[in-house]
mmCIF file of all heavy atoms, coordinates in Angstrom:
data_MODEL
# 
_entry.id   MODEL 
# 
loop_
_atom_site.group_PDB 
_atom_site.id 
_atom_site.type_symbol 
_atom_site.label_atom_id 
_atom_site.label_alt_id 
_atom_site.label_comp_id 
_atom_site.label_asym_id 
_atom_site.label_entity_id 
_atom_site.label_seq_id 
_atom_site.pdbx_PDB_ins_code 
_atom_site.Cartn_x 
_atom_site.Cartn_y 
_atom_site.Cartn_z 
_atom_site.occupancy 
_atom_site.B_iso_or_equiv 
_atom_site.pdbx_formal_charge 
_atom_site.auth_seq_id 
_atom_site.auth_comp_id 
_atom_site.auth_asym_id 
_atom_site.auth_atom_id 
_atom_site.pdbx_PDB_model_num 
ATOM 1   N N   . VAL A 1 1  ? 280.593 160.132 38.304 1.00 0.00 ? 1  VAL A N   1 
ATOM 2   C CA  . VAL A 1 1  ? 280.831 160.750 36.941 1.00 0.00 ? 1  VAL A CA  1 
ATOM 3   C C   . VAL A 1 1  ? 281.251 159.758 35.933 1.00 0.00 ? 1  VAL A C   1 
ATOM 4   O O   . VAL A 1 1  ? 280.819 159.771 34.783 1.00 0.00 ? 1  VAL A O   1 
ATOM 5   C CB  . VAL A 1 1  ? 281.986 161.835 37.128 1.00 0.00 ? 1  VAL A CB  1 
ATOM 6   C CG1 . VAL A 1 1  ? 282.386 162.276 35.684 1.00 0.00 ? 1  VAL A CG1 1 
ATOM 7   C CG2 . VAL A 1 1  ? 281.420 162.930 37.976 1.00 0.00 ? 1  VAL A CG2 1 
ATOM 8   N N   . GLN A 1 2  ? 281.802 158.539 36.336 1.00 0.00 ? 2  GLN A N   1 
ATOM 9   C CA  . GLN A 1 2  ? 282.086 157.420 35.433 1.00 0.00 ? 2  GLN A CA  1 
ATOM 10  C C   . GLN A 1 2  ? 280.854 156.717 35.087 1.00 0.00 ? 2  GLN A C   1 
ATOM 11  O O   . GLN A 1 2  ? 280.630 156.420 33.929 1.00 0.00 ? 2  GLN A O   1 
ATOM 12  C CB  . GLN A 1 2  ? 283.102 156.526 36.118 1.00 0.00 ? 2  GLN A CB  1 
ATOM 13  C CG  . GLN A 1 2  ? 284.340 157.026 36.269 1.00 0.00 ? 2  GLN A CG  1 
ATOM 14  C CD  . GLN A 1 2  ? 285.457 156.043 36.959 1.00 0.00 ? 2  GLN A CD  1 
ATOM 15  O OE1 . GLN A 1 2  ? 284.914 155.151 37.644 1.00 0.00 ? 2  GLN A OE1 1 
ATOM 16  N NE2 . GLN A 1 2  ? 286.696 156.346 36.945 1.00 0.00 ? 2  GLN A NE2 1 
ATOM 17  N N   . VAL A 1 3  ? 279.961 156.662 36.004 1.00 0.00 ? 3  VAL A N   1 
ATOM 18  C CA  . VAL A 1 3  ? 278.584 155.878 35.796 1.00 0.00 ? 3  VAL A CA  1 
ATOM 19  C C   . VAL A 1 3  ? 277.714 156.838 34.920 1.00 0.00 ? 3  VAL A C   1 
ATOM 20  O O   . VAL A 1 3  ? 277.003 156.326 34.023 1.00 0.00 ? 3  VAL A O   1 
ATOM 21  C CB  . VAL A 1 3  ? 277.901 155.599 37.092 1.00 0.00 ? 3  VAL A CB  1 
ATOM 22  C CG1 . VAL A 1 3  ? 276.534 155.092 36.862 1.00 0.00 ? 3  VAL A CG1 1 
ATOM 23  C CG2 . VAL A 1 3  ? 278.674 154.515 37.908 1.00 0.00 ? 3  VAL A CG2 1 
ATOM 24  N N   . CYS A 1 4  ? 277.774 158.062 34.989 1.00 0.00 ? 4  CYS A N   1 
ATOM 25  C CA  . CYS A 1 4  ? 276.874 159.074 34.400 1.00 0.00 ? 4  CYS A CA  1 
ATOM 26  C C   . CYS A 1 4  ? 277.698 160.160 33.672 1.00 0.00 ? 4  CYS A C   1 
ATOM 27  O O   . CYS A 1 4  ? 277.968 161.147 34.319 1.00 0.00 ? 4  CYS A O   1 
ATOM 28  C CB  . CYS A 1 4  ? 275.900 159.653 35.264 1.00 0.00 ? 4  CYS A CB  1 
ATOM 29  S SG  . CYS A 1 4  ? 274.714 160.708 34.420 1.00 0.00 ? 4  CYS A SG  1 
ATOM 30  N N   . PRO A 1 5  ? 278.268 159.799 32.554 1.00 0.00 ? 5  PRO A N   1 
ATOM 31  C CA  . PRO A 1 5  ? 279.252 160.777 31.891 1.00 0.00 ? 5  PRO A CA  1 
ATOM 32  C C   . PRO A 1 5  ? 278.628 162.234 31.590 1.00 0.00 ? 5  PRO A C   1 
ATOM 33  O O   . PRO A 1 5  ? 279.534 163.066 31.305 1.00 0.00 ? 5  PRO A O   1 
ATOM 34  C CB  . PRO A 1 5  ? 279.651 160.065 30.597 1.00 0.00 ? 5  PRO A CB  1 
ATOM 35  C CG  . PRO A 1 5  ? 279.097 158.650 30.713 1.00 0.00 ? 5  PRO A CG  1 
ATOM 36  C CD  . PRO A 1 5  ? 278.076 158.653 31.769 1.00 0.00 ? 5  PRO A CD  1 
ATOM 37  N N   . ALA A 1 6  ? 277.337 162.300 31.518 1.00 0.00 ? 6  ALA A N   1 
ATOM 38  C CA  . ALA A 1 6  ? 276.767 163.589 31.277 1.00 0.00 ? 6  ALA A CA  1 
ATOM 39  C C   . ALA A 1 6  ? 277.078 164.500 32.447 1.00 0.00 ? 6  ALA A C   1 
ATOM 40  O O   . ALA A 1 6  ? 277.048 165.848 32.197 1.00 0.00 ? 6  ALA A O   1 
ATOM 41  C CB  . ALA A 1 6  ? 275.313 163.597 31.123 1.00 0.00 ? 6  ALA A CB  1 
ATOM 42  N N   . LEU A 1 7  ? 277.514 164.094 33.644 1.00 0.00 ? 7  LEU A N   1 
ATOM 43  C CA  . LEU A 1 7  ? 277.707 164.836 34.735 1.00 0.00 ? 7  LEU A CA  1 
ATOM 44  C C   . LEU A 1 7  ? 279.340 165.203 34.820 1.00 0.00 ? 7  LEU A C   1 
ATOM 45  O O   . LEU A 1 7  ? 280.013 164.355 34.245 1.00 0.00 ? 7  LEU A O   1 
ATOM 46  C CB  . LEU A 1 7  ? 277.392 164.273 36.020 1.00 0.00 ? 7  LEU A CB  1 
ATOM 47  C CG  . LEU A 1 7  ? 275.885 163.816 36.234 1.00 0.00 ? 7  LEU A CG  1 
ATOM 48  C CD1 . LEU A 1 7  ? 275.704 163.013 37.505 1.00 0.00 ? 7  LEU A CD1 1 
ATOM 49  C CD2 . LEU A 1 7  ? 275.059 165.189 36.262 1.00 0.00 ? 7  LEU A CD2 1 
ATOM 50  N N   . THR A 1 8  ? 279.761 166.341 35.495 1.00 0.00 ? 8  THR A N   1 
ATOM 51  C CA  . THR A 1 8  ? 281.028 166.641 35.610 1.00 0.00 ? 8  THR A CA  1 
ATOM 52  C C   . THR A 1 8  ? 281.417 166.510 37.237 1.00 0.00 ? 8  THR A C   1 
ATOM 53  O O   . THR A 1 8  ? 280.423 166.901 37.910 1.00 0.00 ? 8  THR A O   1 
ATOM 54  C CB  . THR A 1 8  ? 281.528 167.990 34.947 1.00 0.00 ? 8  THR A CB  1 
ATOM 55  O OG1 . THR A 1 8  ? 280.738 168.968 35.660 1.00 0.00 ? 8  THR A OG1 1 
ATOM 56  C CG2 . THR A 1 8  ? 281.175 168.094 33.562 1.00 0.00 ? 8  THR A CG2 1 
ATOM 57  N N   . GLU A 1 9  ? 282.579 166.356 37.475 1.00 0.00 ? 9  GLU A N   1 
ATOM 58  C CA  . GLU A 1 9  ? 282.957 166.446 38.972 1.00 0.00 ? 9  GLU A CA  1 
ATOM 59  C C   . GLU A 1 9  ? 282.567 167.689 39.501 1.00 0.00 ? 9  GLU A C   1 
ATOM 60  O O   . GLU A 1 9  ? 281.936 167.833 40.598 1.00 0.00 ? 9  GLU A O   1 
ATOM 61  C CB  . GLU A 1 9  ? 284.353 166.117 39.053 1.00 0.00 ? 9  GLU A CB  1 
ATOM 62  C CG  . GLU A 1 9  ? 284.783 164.611 38.998 1.00 0.00 ? 9  GLU A CG  1 
ATOM 63  C CD  . GLU A 1 9  ? 286.196 164.313 39.513 1.00 0.00 ? 9  GLU A CD  1 
ATOM 64  O OE1 . GLU A 1 9  ? 286.524 164.788 40.432 1.00 0.00 ? 9  GLU A OE1 1 
ATOM 65  O OE2 . GLU A 1 9  ? 286.882 163.549 38.746 1.00 0.00 ? 9  GLU A OE2 1 
ATOM 66  N N   . GLY A 1 10 ? 282.897 168.763 38.737 1.00 0.00 ? 10 GLY A N   1 
ATOM 67  C CA  . GLY A 1 10 ? 282.637 170.141 39.308 1.00 0.00 ? 10 GLY A CA  1 
ATOM 68  C C   . GLY A 1 10 ? 281.133 170.317 39.471 1.00 0.00 ? 10 GLY A C   1 
ATOM 69  O O   . GLY A 1 10 ? 280.612 170.929 40.428 1.00 0.00 ? 10 GLY A O   1 
ATOM 70  N N   . GLY A 1 11 ? 280.494 169.897 38.551 1.00 0.00 ? 11 GLY A N   1 
ATOM 71  C CA  . GLY A 1 11 ? 278.943 170.141 38.621 1.00 0.00 ? 11 GLY A CA  1 
ATOM 72  C C   . GLY A 1 11 ? 278.360 169.259 39.768 1.00 0.00 ? 11 GLY A C   1 
ATOM 73  O O   . GLY A 1 11 ? 277.398 169.783 40.513 1.00 0.00 ? 11 GLY A O   1 
ATOM 74  N N   . VAL A 1 12 ? 278.874 168.033 39.962 1.00 0.00 ? 12 VAL A N   1 
ATOM 75  C CA  . VAL A 1 12 ? 278.338 167.173 41.026 1.00 0.00 ? 12 VAL A CA  1 
ATOM 76  C C   . VAL A 1 12 ? 278.780 167.947 42.472 1.00 0.00 ? 12 VAL A C   1 
ATOM 77  O O   . VAL A 1 12 ? 277.960 167.913 43.451 1.00 0.00 ? 12 VAL A O   1 
ATOM 78  C CB  . VAL A 1 12 ? 278.812 165.788 41.065 1.00 0.00 ? 12 VAL A CB  1 
ATOM 79  C CG1 . VAL A 1 12 ? 278.528 165.029 42.228 1.00 0.00 ? 12 VAL A CG1 1 
ATOM 80  C CG2 . VAL A 1 12 ? 278.370 165.122 39.810 1.00 0.00 ? 12 VAL A CG2 1 
ATOM 81  N N   . ARG A 1 13 ? 280.021 168.371 42.522 1.00 0.00 ? 13 ARG A N   1 
ATOM 82  C CA  . ARG A 1 13 ? 280.473 169.125 43.693 1.00 0.00 ? 13 ARG A CA  1 
ATOM 83  C C   . ARG A 1 13 ? 279.730 170.287 44.061 1.00 0.00 ? 13 ARG A C   1 
ATOM 84  O O   . ARG A 1 13 ? 279.399 170.600 45.241 1.00 0.00 ? 13 ARG A O   1 
ATOM 85  C CB  . ARG A 1 13 ? 281.952 169.413 43.602 1.00 0.00 ? 13 ARG A CB  1 
ATOM 86  C CG  . ARG A 1 13 ? 282.767 168.120 43.575 1.00 0.00 ? 13 ARG A CG  1 
ATOM 87  C CD  . ARG A 1 13 ? 284.346 168.456 43.607 1.00 0.00 ? 13 ARG A CD  1 
ATOM 88  N NE  . ARG A 1 13 ? 285.041 167.178 43.319 1.00 0.00 ? 13 ARG A NE  1 
ATOM 89  C CZ  . ARG A 1 13 ? 285.261 166.191 44.063 1.00 0.00 ? 13 ARG A CZ  1 
ATOM 90  N NH1 . ARG A 1 13 ? 284.740 166.106 45.334 1.00 0.00 ? 13 ARG A NH1 1 
ATOM 91  N NH2 . ARG A 1 13 ? 286.040 165.174 43.701 1.00 0.00 ? 13 ARG A NH2 1 
ATOM 92  N N   . ALA A 1 14 ? 279.229 170.953 42.995 1.00 0.00 ? 14 ALA A N   1 
ATOM 93  C CA  . ALA A 1 14 ? 278.384 172.141 43.250 1.00 0.00 ? 14 ALA A CA  1 
ATOM 94  C C   . ALA A 1 14 ? 277.050 171.731 43.823 1.00 0.00 ? 14 ALA A C   1 
ATOM 95  O O   . ALA A 1 14 ? 276.398 172.358 44.543 1.00 0.00 ? 14 ALA A O   1 
ATOM 96  C CB  . ALA A 1 14 ? 278.144 172.882 41.814 1.00 0.00 ? 14 ALA A CB  1 
ATOM 97  N N   . LEU A 1 15 ? 276.415 170.624 43.247 1.00 0.00 ? 15 LEU A N   1 
ATOM 98  C CA  . LEU A 1 15 ? 275.143 170.135 43.714 1.00 0.00 ? 15 LEU A CA  1 
ATOM 99  C C   . LEU A 1 15 ? 275.346 169.687 45.165 1.00 0.00 ? 15 LEU A C   1 
ATOM 100 O O   . LEU A 1 15 ? 274.579 169.940 45.979 1.00 0.00 ? 15 LEU A O   1 
ATOM 101 C CB  . LEU A 1 15 ? 274.811 168.838 42.961 1.00 0.00 ? 15 LEU A CB  1 
ATOM 102 C CG  . LEU A 1 15 ? 274.298 169.129 41.521 1.00 0.00 ? 15 LEU A CG  1 
ATOM 103 C CD1 . LEU A 1 15 ? 274.088 167.767 40.803 1.00 0.00 ? 15 LEU A CD1 1 
ATOM 104 C CD2 . LEU A 1 15 ? 273.048 169.915 41.525 1.00 0.00 ? 15 LEU A CD2 1 
ATOM 105 N N   . ILE A 1 16 ? 276.501 169.007 45.674 1.00 0.00 ? 16 ILE A N   1 
ATOM 106 C CA  . ILE A 1 16 ? 276.678 168.735 46.968 1.00 0.00 ? 16 ILE A CA  1 
ATOM 107 C C   . ILE A 1 16 ? 276.697 169.932 47.898 1.00 0.00 ? 16 ILE A C   1 
ATOM 108 O O   . ILE A 1 16 ? 276.241 170.040 48.929 1.00 0.00 ? 16 ILE A O   1 
ATOM 109 C CB  . ILE A 1 16 ? 278.000 167.819 47.046 1.00 0.00 ? 16 ILE A CB  1 
ATOM 110 C CG1 . ILE A 1 16 ? 277.719 166.295 46.375 1.00 0.00 ? 16 ILE A CG1 1 
ATOM 111 C CG2 . ILE A 1 16 ? 278.465 167.661 48.532 1.00 0.00 ? 16 ILE A CG2 1 
ATOM 112 C CD1 . ILE A 1 16 ? 279.001 165.699 46.127 1.00 0.00 ? 16 ILE A CD1 1 
ATOM 113 N N   . PHE A 1 17 ? 277.450 170.920 47.460 1.00 0.00 ? 17 PHE A N   1 
ATOM 114 C CA  . PHE A 1 17 ? 277.702 172.147 48.201 1.00 0.00 ? 17 PHE A CA  1 
ATOM 115 C C   . PHE A 1 17 ? 276.287 172.809 48.450 1.00 0.00 ? 17 PHE A C   1 
ATOM 116 O O   . PHE A 1 17 ? 276.098 173.278 49.577 1.00 0.00 ? 17 PHE A O   1 
ATOM 117 C CB  . PHE A 1 17 ? 278.531 173.119 47.410 1.00 0.00 ? 17 PHE A CB  1 
ATOM 118 C CG  . PHE A 1 17 ? 278.827 174.415 48.202 1.00 0.00 ? 17 PHE A CG  1 
ATOM 119 C CD1 . PHE A 1 17 ? 279.724 174.527 49.106 1.00 0.00 ? 17 PHE A CD1 1 
ATOM 120 C CD2 . PHE A 1 17 ? 278.172 175.566 47.891 1.00 0.00 ? 17 PHE A CD2 1 
ATOM 121 C CE1 . PHE A 1 17 ? 280.039 175.552 49.879 1.00 0.00 ? 17 PHE A CE1 1 
ATOM 122 C CE2 . PHE A 1 17 ? 278.353 176.689 48.648 1.00 0.00 ? 17 PHE A CE2 1 
ATOM 123 C CZ  . PHE A 1 17 ? 279.357 176.771 49.609 1.00 0.00 ? 17 PHE A CZ  1 
ATOM 124 N N   . ASN A 1 18 ? 275.397 172.688 47.536 1.00 0.00 ? 18 ASN A N   1 
ATOM 125 C CA  . ASN A 1 18 ? 274.046 173.199 47.729 1.00 0.00 ? 18 ASN A CA  1 
ATOM 126 C C   . ASN A 1 18 ? 272.860 172.279 48.105 1.00 0.00 ? 18 ASN A C   1 
ATOM 127 O O   . ASN A 1 18 ? 271.829 172.432 47.816 1.00 0.00 ? 18 ASN A O   1 
ATOM 128 C CB  . ASN A 1 18 ? 273.611 173.984 46.422 1.00 0.00 ? 18 ASN A CB  1 
ATOM 129 C CG  . ASN A 1 18 ? 274.579 175.149 46.186 1.00 0.00 ? 18 ASN A CG  1 
ATOM 130 O OD1 . ASN A 1 18 ? 274.554 176.074 47.014 1.00 0.00 ? 18 ASN A OD1 1 
ATOM 131 N ND2 . ASN A 1 18 ? 275.277 175.054 45.025 1.00 0.00 ? 18 ASN A ND2 1 
ATOM 132 N N   . ALA A 1 19 ? 273.321 171.161 48.620 1.00 0.00 ? 19 ALA A N   1 
ATOM 133 C CA  . ALA A 1 19 ? 272.507 169.938 48.934 1.00 0.00 ? 19 ALA A CA  1 
ATOM 134 C C   . ALA A 1 19 ? 271.391 170.375 49.731 1.00 0.00 ? 19 ALA A C   1 
ATOM 135 O O   . ALA A 1 19 ? 270.269 169.805 49.595 1.00 0.00 ? 19 ALA A O   1 
ATOM 136 C CB  . ALA A 1 19 ? 273.337 168.704 49.382 1.00 0.00 ? 19 ALA A CB  1 
ATOM 137 N N   . ASP A 1 20 ? 271.476 171.153 50.793 1.00 0.00 ? 20 ASP A N   1 
ATOM 138 C CA  . ASP A 1 20 ? 270.431 171.499 51.566 1.00 0.00 ? 20 ASP A CA  1 
ATOM 139 C C   . ASP A 1 20 ? 269.299 172.367 50.917 1.00 0.00 ? 20 ASP A C   1 
ATOM 140 O O   . ASP A 1 20 ? 268.094 172.240 51.226 1.00 0.00 ? 20 ASP A O   1 
ATOM 141 C CB  . ASP A 1 20 ? 270.873 172.319 52.867 1.00 0.00 ? 20 ASP A CB  1 
ATOM 142 C CG  . ASP A 1 20 ? 271.793 171.476 53.715 1.00 0.00 ? 20 ASP A CG  1 
ATOM 143 O OD1 . ASP A 1 20 ? 271.447 170.223 53.849 1.00 0.00 ? 20 ASP A OD1 1 
ATOM 144 O OD2 . ASP A 1 20 ? 272.607 171.979 54.505 1.00 0.00 ? 20 ASP A OD2 1 
ATOM 145 N N   . ARG A 1 21 ? 269.720 173.033 49.863 1.00 0.00 ? 21 ARG A N   1 
ATOM 146 C CA  . ARG A 1 21 ? 268.816 173.858 49.069 1.00 0.00 ? 21 ARG A CA  1 
ATOM 147 C C   . ARG A 1 21 ? 268.115 173.033 47.864 1.00 0.00 ? 21 ARG A C   1 
ATOM 148 O O   . ARG A 1 21 ? 267.037 173.411 47.453 1.00 0.00 ? 21 ARG A O   1 
ATOM 149 C CB  . ARG A 1 21 ? 269.467 175.143 48.578 1.00 0.00 ? 21 ARG A CB  1 
ATOM 150 C CG  . ARG A 1 21 ? 269.619 176.190 49.621 1.00 0.00 ? 21 ARG A CG  1 
ATOM 151 C CD  . ARG A 1 21 ? 270.327 177.282 49.140 1.00 0.00 ? 21 ARG A CD  1 
ATOM 152 N NE  . ARG A 1 21 ? 271.720 177.077 49.345 1.00 0.00 ? 21 ARG A NE  1 
ATOM 153 C CZ  . ARG A 1 21 ? 272.591 177.931 48.987 1.00 0.00 ? 21 ARG A CZ  1 
ATOM 154 N NH1 . ARG A 1 21 ? 272.431 178.870 48.109 1.00 0.00 ? 21 ARG A NH1 1 
ATOM 155 N NH2 . ARG A 1 21 ? 273.972 177.736 49.305 1.00 0.00 ? 21 ARG A NH2 1 
ATOM 156 N N   . ASN A 1 22 ? 268.871 172.102 47.305 1.00 0.00 ? 22 ASN A N   1 
ATOM 157 C CA  . ASN A 1 22 ? 268.344 171.516 46.163 1.00 0.00 ? 22 ASN A CA  1 
ATOM 158 C C   . ASN A 1 22 ? 267.750 170.170 46.343 1.00 0.00 ? 22 ASN A C   1 
ATOM 159 O O   . ASN A 1 22 ? 267.323 169.449 45.495 1.00 0.00 ? 22 ASN A O   1 
ATOM 160 C CB  . ASN A 1 22 ? 269.340 171.318 45.030 1.00 0.00 ? 22 ASN A CB  1 
ATOM 161 C CG  . ASN A 1 22 ? 270.536 170.577 45.472 1.00 0.00 ? 22 ASN A CG  1 
ATOM 162 O OD1 . ASN A 1 22 ? 270.472 169.696 46.352 1.00 0.00 ? 22 ASN A OD1 1 
ATOM 163 N ND2 . ASN A 1 22 ? 271.809 170.860 44.858 1.00 0.00 ? 22 ASN A ND2 1 
ATOM 164 N N   . GLY A 1 23 ? 267.677 169.733 47.626 1.00 0.00 ? 23 GLY A N   1 
ATOM 165 C CA  . GLY A 1 23 ? 267.014 168.444 48.046 1.00 0.00 ? 23 GLY A CA  1 
ATOM 166 C C   . GLY A 1 23 ? 268.033 167.239 47.848 1.00 0.00 ? 23 GLY A C   1 
ATOM 167 O O   . GLY A 1 23 ? 267.520 166.149 48.019 1.00 0.00 ? 23 GLY A O   1 
ATOM 168 N N   . LEU A 1 24 ? 269.199 167.379 47.517 1.00 0.00 ? 24 LEU A N   1 
ATOM 169 C CA  . LEU A 1 24 ? 270.127 166.251 47.442 1.00 0.00 ? 24 LEU A CA  1 
ATOM 170 C C   . LEU A 1 24 ? 270.700 165.723 48.684 1.00 0.00 ? 24 LEU A C   1 
ATOM 171 O O   . LEU A 1 24 ? 271.140 164.537 48.776 1.00 0.00 ? 24 LEU A O   1 
ATOM 172 C CB  . LEU A 1 24 ? 271.348 166.610 46.578 1.00 0.00 ? 24 LEU A CB  1 
ATOM 173 C CG  . LEU A 1 24 ? 272.297 165.643 46.146 1.00 0.00 ? 24 LEU A CG  1 
ATOM 174 C CD1 . LEU A 1 24 ? 271.663 164.693 45.109 1.00 0.00 ? 24 LEU A CD1 1 
ATOM 175 C CD2 . LEU A 1 24 ? 273.629 166.321 45.480 1.00 0.00 ? 24 LEU A CD2 1 
# 
């Protein structure tokens, strides 16, 4: 989030939670 300020911690954690579905 520090490297990419457009992202939020909550948003990244949501991406991680759904990583198997979103390809992350």
